[in-house]
Amino acid sequence: MSVARGVYSARIREKLTQALNPSRLVLIDESHKHAGHREDSGLGETHFRLEIVSSSFEGERLVARHRKVYDILKDELDERVHALSLSTKTPEEAPEEATE
């Protein structure tokens, strides 16, 4: 597991923190698993796994939660991020853990 620490990772964390005020945010860079694939630019930070817990998801279905995250990260998805695996939960749906 590689905790994401690059430029795009920082942008993703900052945008999600500002927009959703998460109680938990874990972003894992999984780009190394896709090295050599057609969409791999060789620059890294193209494939991420995101686990986020936020009260802003309350009352929303899974599709709406994912759409909200995609809308927040539109620029990053248009520019470089090719894949984003999401786990979106409310505080009630997830055990309480600190933001990383």
C-alpha atoms as a PDB file:
ATOM      1  CA  MET A   1       0.000   0.000   0.000  1.00  0.00           C
ATOM      2  CA  SER A   2       1.421   3.347  -1.038  1.00  0.00           C
ATOM      3  CA  VAL A   3      -0.040   6.416   0.634  1.00  0.00           C
ATOM      4  CA  ALA A   4      -0.260   9.060  -2.064  1.00  0.00           C
ATOM      5  CA  ARG A   5       2.106  12.010  -1.593  1.00  0.00           C
ATOM      6  CA  GLY A   6       2.589  13.676  -4.998  1.00  0.00           C
ATOM      7  CA  VAL A   7       1.331  16.958  -6.462  1.00  0.00           C
ATOM      8  CA  TYR A   8      -1.987  15.531  -7.657  1.00  0.00           C
ATOM      9  CA  SER A   9      -2.452  13.704  -4.375  1.00  0.00           C
ATOM     10  CA  ALA A  10      -2.044  16.986  -2.519  1.00  0.00           C
ATOM     11  CA  ARG A  11      -4.557  18.712  -4.804  1.00  0.00           C
ATOM     12  CA  ILE A  12      -7.065  15.890  -4.327  1.00  0.00           C
ATOM     13  CA  ARG A  13      -6.691  15.967  -0.540  1.00  0.00           C
ATOM     14  CA  GLU A  14      -7.002  19.755  -0.397  1.00  0.00           C
ATOM     15  CA  LYS A  15     -10.096  19.934  -2.600  1.00  0.00           C
ATOM     16  CA  LEU A  16     -11.904  17.113  -0.819  1.00  0.00           C
ATOM     17  CA  THR A  17     -11.027  18.496   2.609  1.00  0.00           C
ATOM     18  CA  GLN A  18     -12.312  21.960   1.710  1.00  0.00           C
ATOM     19  CA  ALA A  19     -15.495  20.717   0.036  1.00  0.00           C
ATOM     20  CA  LEU A  20     -16.492  17.793   2.258  1.00  0.00           C
ATOM     21  CA  ASN A  21     -14.780  18.334   5.634  1.00  0.00           C
ATOM     22  CA  PRO A  22     -14.165  14.587   6.013  1.00  0.00           C
ATOM     23  CA  SER A  23     -13.643  12.870   9.341  1.00  0.00           C
ATOM     24  CA  ARG A  24     -11.522  10.316   7.466  1.00  0.00           C
ATOM     25  CA  LEU A  25      -9.679  10.626   4.169  1.00  0.00           C
ATOM     26  CA  VAL A  26      -7.307   7.933   2.937  1.00  0.00           C
ATOM     27  CA  LEU A  27      -5.831   8.296  -0.543  1.00  0.00           C
ATOM     28  CA  ILE A  28      -3.727   5.458  -1.933  1.00  0.00           C
ATOM     29  CA  ASP A  29      -1.722   5.792  -5.155  1.00  0.00           C
ATOM     30  CA  GLU A  30      -2.140   2.525  -7.058  1.00  0.00           C
ATOM     31  CA  SER A  31      -0.506   3.725 -10.278  1.00  0.00           C
ATOM     32  CA  HIS A  32       2.332   1.205  -9.944  1.00  0.00           C
ATOM     33  CA  LYS A  33      -0.197  -1.604 -10.465  1.00  0.00           C
ATOM     34  CA  HIS A  34      -0.981  -0.220 -13.916  1.00  0.00           C
ATOM     35  CA  ALA A  35       2.525   0.438 -15.253  1.00  0.00           C
ATOM     36  CA  GLY A  36       2.705  -0.288 -18.958  1.00  0.00           C
ATOM     37  CA  HIS A  37      -1.046  -0.048 -19.536  1.00  0.00           C
ATOM     38  CA  ARG A  38      -2.237   1.998 -22.501  1.00  0.00           C
ATOM     39  CA  GLU A  39      -3.360   4.891 -20.268  1.00  0.00           C
ATOM     40  CA  ASP A  40      -0.089   4.909 -18.288  1.00  0.00           C
ATOM     41  CA  SER A  41       1.839   8.081 -19.101  1.00  0.00           C
ATOM     42  CA  GLY A  42       4.800   6.996 -16.996  1.00  0.00           C
ATOM     43  CA  LEU A  43       4.344  10.082 -14.811  1.00  0.00           C
ATOM     44  CA  GLY A  44       2.484   8.310 -12.011  1.00  0.00           C
ATOM     45  CA  GLU A  45      -0.477   9.603 -10.032  1.00  0.00           C
ATOM     46  CA  THR A  46      -2.944   8.176 -12.539  1.00  0.00           C
ATOM     47  CA  HIS A  47      -4.742   5.518 -10.462  1.00  0.00           C
ATOM     48  CA  PHE A  48      -6.003   6.123  -6.933  1.00  0.00           C
ATOM     49  CA  ARG A  49      -8.090   4.431  -4.271  1.00  0.00           C
ATOM     50  CA  LEU A  50     -10.000   6.843  -2.038  1.00  0.00           C
ATOM     51  CA  GLU A  51     -11.704   6.069   1.258  1.00  0.00           C
ATOM     52  CA  ILE A  52     -13.624   9.051   2.567  1.00  0.00           C
ATOM     53  CA  VAL A  53     -16.040   9.519   5.460  1.00  0.00           C
ATOM     54  CA  SER A  54     -18.092  12.709   5.524  1.00  0.00           C
ATOM     55  CA  SER A  55     -21.386  13.846   6.987  1.00  0.00           C
ATOM     56  CA  SER A  56     -22.034  15.622   3.666  1.00  0.00           C
ATOM     57  CA  PHE A  57     -22.969  12.198   2.238  1.00  0.00           C
ATOM     58  CA  GLU A  58     -25.900  11.803   4.644  1.00  0.00           C
ATOM     59  CA  GLY A  59     -29.165  11.128   2.834  1.00  0.00           C
ATOM     60  CA  GLU A  60     -27.415  10.513  -0.502  1.00  0.00           C
ATOM     61  CA  ARG A  61     -27.357   7.308  -2.499  1.00  0.00           C
ATOM     62  CA  LEU A  62     -24.036   5.821  -3.542  1.00  0.00           C
ATOM     63  CA  VAL A  63     -24.242   7.188  -7.096  1.00  0.00           C
ATOM     64  CA  ALA A  64     -24.860  10.728  -5.810  1.00  0.00           C
ATOM     65  CA  ARG A  65     -21.912  10.447  -3.425  1.00  0.00           C
ATOM     66  CA  HIS A  66     -19.602   9.314  -6.204  1.00  0.00           C
ATOM     67  CA  ARG A  67     -20.884  12.015  -8.546  1.00  0.00           C
ATOM     68  CA  LYS A  68     -20.175  14.618  -5.852  1.00  0.00           C
ATOM     69  CA  VAL A  69     -16.553  13.443  -5.534  1.00  0.00           C
ATOM     70  CA  TYR A  70     -16.107  13.314  -9.326  1.00  0.00           C
ATOM     71  CA  ASP A  71     -17.484  16.850  -9.655  1.00  0.00           C
ATOM     72  CA  ILE A  72     -15.062  18.140  -7.010  1.00  0.00           C
ATOM     73  CA  LEU A  73     -12.127  16.436  -8.756  1.00  0.00           C
ATOM     74  CA  LYS A  74     -13.170  17.256 -12.333  1.00  0.00           C
ATOM     75  CA  ASP A  75      -9.936  19.091 -13.180  1.00  0.00           C
ATOM     76  CA  GLU A  76      -7.714  16.297 -11.861  1.00  0.00           C
ATOM     77  CA  LEU A  77      -9.737  13.659 -13.726  1.00  0.00           C
ATOM     78  CA  ASP A  78      -9.563  15.693 -16.949  1.00  0.00           C
ATOM     79  CA  GLU A  79      -5.831  16.367 -16.628  1.00  0.00           C
ATOM     80  CA  ARG A  80      -4.128  13.243 -15.339  1.00  0.00           C
ATOM     81  CA  VAL A  81      -6.078  10.938 -13.068  1.00  0.00           C
ATOM     82  CA  HIS A  82      -7.328   8.008 -15.130  1.00  0.00           C
ATOM     83  CA  ALA A  83      -8.971   5.857 -12.444  1.00  0.00           C
ATOM     84  CA  LEU A  84     -10.440   6.573  -9.038  1.00  0.00           C
ATOM     85  CA  SER A  85     -11.804   3.755  -6.884  1.00  0.00           C
ATOM     86  CA  LEU A  86     -14.173   5.141  -4.255  1.00  0.00           C
ATOM     87  CA  SER A  87     -15.441   4.189  -0.828  1.00  0.00           C
ATOM     88  CA  THR A  88     -17.795   6.946   0.359  1.00  0.00           C
ATOM     89  CA  LYS A  89     -19.439   6.651   3.776  1.00  0.00           C
ATOM     90  CA  THR A  90     -21.168   8.736   6.399  1.00  0.00           C
ATOM     91  CA  PRO A  91     -19.787   8.771   9.950  1.00  0.00           C
ATOM     92  CA  GLU A  92     -22.620   6.444  11.003  1.00  0.00           C
ATOM     93  CA  GLU A  93     -21.615   3.919   8.328  1.00  0.00           C
ATOM     94  CA  ALA A  94     -17.949   3.832   9.303  1.00  0.00           C
ATOM     95  CA  PRO A  95     -16.118   3.338  12.577  1.00  0.00           C
ATOM     96  CA  GLU A  96     -14.717   6.608  13.875  1.00  0.00           C
ATOM     97  CA  GLU A  97     -11.130   7.110  12.754  1.00  0.00           C
ATOM     98  CA  ALA A  98      -8.951  10.177  12.407  1.00  0.00           C
ATOM     99  CA  THR A  99      -8.224  11.888   9.094  1.00  0.00           C
ATOM    100  CA  GLU A 100      -4.865  10.841   7.645  1.00  0.00           C
END
